[in-house]
């Protein structure tokens, strides 16, 4: 198991143990430096931040962003943005 990302925050631990090989991002060891740096940055900040990576817009986020996801957390991690924010069944749209 990798020791990246460092830190003891909830999201650091979740990202560290997530099965990234089963996602479009692939194993963490194969992630580009730019993605790892961006994840390190959002994890270090206290402001709610989310990152959508690749054409699939696979999302990663920090601890401050997790409450915005409500019960979608932690399922939203590692899936495309459109899936994570899909309207819930029974939700109504304000658009006519």
Protein backbone atom coordinates (compact mmCIF):
# COMPACT_ATOMS: atom_id res chain seq x y z
CA UNK A 1 0.00 0.00 0.00
CA UNK A 2 1.20 3.48 -0.82
CA UNK A 3 1.88 6.06 1.88
CA UNK A 4 0.57 8.83 -0.34
CA UNK A 5 -1.13 11.11 0.33
CA UNK A 6 0.45 11.84 3.65
CA UNK A 7 -1.65 13.08 6.50
CA UNK A 8 -4.18 11.88 9.00
CA UNK A 9 -7.28 13.61 7.68
CA UNK A 10 -10.29 11.49 6.79
CA UNK A 11 -9.89 12.15 3.07
CA UNK A 12 -6.16 11.44 3.13
CA UNK A 13 -6.91 8.05 4.67
CA UNK A 14 -9.78 7.33 2.26
CA UNK A 15 -7.73 8.32 -0.81
CA UNK A 16 -4.78 6.27 0.46
CA UNK A 17 -6.86 3.09 0.78
CA UNK A 18 -9.19 3.54 -2.21
CA UNK A 19 -8.99 0.99 -5.05
CA UNK A 20 -7.92 3.47 -7.71
CA UNK A 21 -6.94 0.70 -10.11
CA UNK A 22 -10.66 0.04 -10.61
CA UNK A 23 -11.23 3.62 -11.84
CA UNK A 24 -10.34 5.53 -15.01
CA UNK A 25 -7.47 7.13 -13.05
CA UNK A 26 -5.72 3.81 -12.59
CA UNK A 27 -3.25 2.93 -9.83
CA UNK A 28 -1.92 5.88 -7.84
CA UNK A 29 1.63 4.87 -8.73
CA UNK A 30 0.81 5.70 -12.37
CA UNK A 31 -0.79 9.08 -11.73
CA UNK A 32 1.00 12.05 -13.26
CA UNK A 33 2.88 14.36 -10.93
CA UNK A 34 0.41 17.14 -11.75
CA UNK A 35 -2.55 15.12 -10.42
CA UNK A 36 -0.74 14.08 -7.25
CA UNK A 37 0.32 17.69 -6.66
CA UNK A 38 -3.23 18.94 -7.17
CA UNK A 39 -4.55 16.36 -4.69
CA UNK A 40 -1.86 17.33 -2.16
CA UNK A 41 -2.90 20.97 -2.57
CA UNK A 42 -6.64 20.44 -2.03
CA UNK A 43 -6.01 18.15 0.95
CA UNK A 44 -3.81 20.80 2.59
CA UNK A 45 -6.38 23.57 2.28
CA UNK A 46 -9.12 24.24 4.77
CA UNK A 47 -11.53 25.52 2.13
CA UNK A 48 -13.95 23.15 0.42
CA UNK A 49 -12.30 22.00 -2.78
CA UNK A 50 -13.09 19.38 -5.38
CA UNK A 51 -11.02 18.30 -8.36
CA UNK A 52 -12.53 16.79 -11.52
CA UNK A 53 -9.80 15.01 -13.53
CA UNK A 54 -9.66 13.62 -17.07
CA UNK A 55 -12.42 13.82 -19.64
CA UNK A 56 -14.53 11.61 -17.34
CA UNK A 57 -14.17 14.26 -14.61
CA UNK A 58 -13.35 11.75 -11.88
CA UNK A 59 -13.75 13.61 -8.62
CA UNK A 60 -11.46 13.88 -5.64
CA UNK A 61 -12.14 16.25 -2.78
CA UNK A 62 -10.99 17.35 0.64
CA UNK A 63 -12.51 17.07 4.11
CA UNK A 64 -14.11 20.52 3.93
CA UNK A 65 -15.95 19.51 0.73
CA UNK A 66 -17.36 16.26 2.17
CA UNK A 67 -20.29 17.92 4.01
CA UNK A 68 -21.41 19.49 0.73
CA UNK A 69 -21.86 15.97 -0.63
CA UNK A 70 -24.09 15.02 2.30
CA UNK A 71 -24.91 11.31 2.04
CA UNK A 72 -23.03 11.08 -1.28
CA UNK A 73 -19.80 11.06 0.74
CA UNK A 74 -17.69 8.92 0.45
CA UNK A 75 -19.36 7.18 -2.53
CA UNK A 76 -18.71 10.24 -4.70
CA UNK A 77 -14.94 9.77 -4.51
CA UNK A 78 -13.42 8.29 -7.64
CA UNK A 79 -16.51 8.43 -9.82
CA UNK A 80 -17.44 10.83 -12.63
CA UNK A 81 -18.90 14.15 -11.54
CA UNK A 82 -22.15 13.47 -13.42
CA UNK A 83 -22.68 10.25 -11.47
CA UNK A 84 -21.77 11.79 -8.12
CA UNK A 85 -24.18 14.70 -8.59
CA UNK A 86 -26.94 12.83 -10.42
CA UNK A 87 -30.33 14.01 -9.15
CA UNK A 88 -31.69 11.73 -6.48
CA UNK A 89 -34.77 9.72 -7.26
CA UNK A 90 -37.85 11.64 -6.29
CA UNK A 91 -36.07 14.98 -6.71
CA UNK A 92 -37.89 17.54 -8.78
CA UNK A 93 -36.35 20.00 -11.14
CA UNK A 94 -37.08 23.72 -10.95
CA UNK A 95 -36.70 23.93 -14.74
CA UNK A 96 -39.82 23.97 -16.86
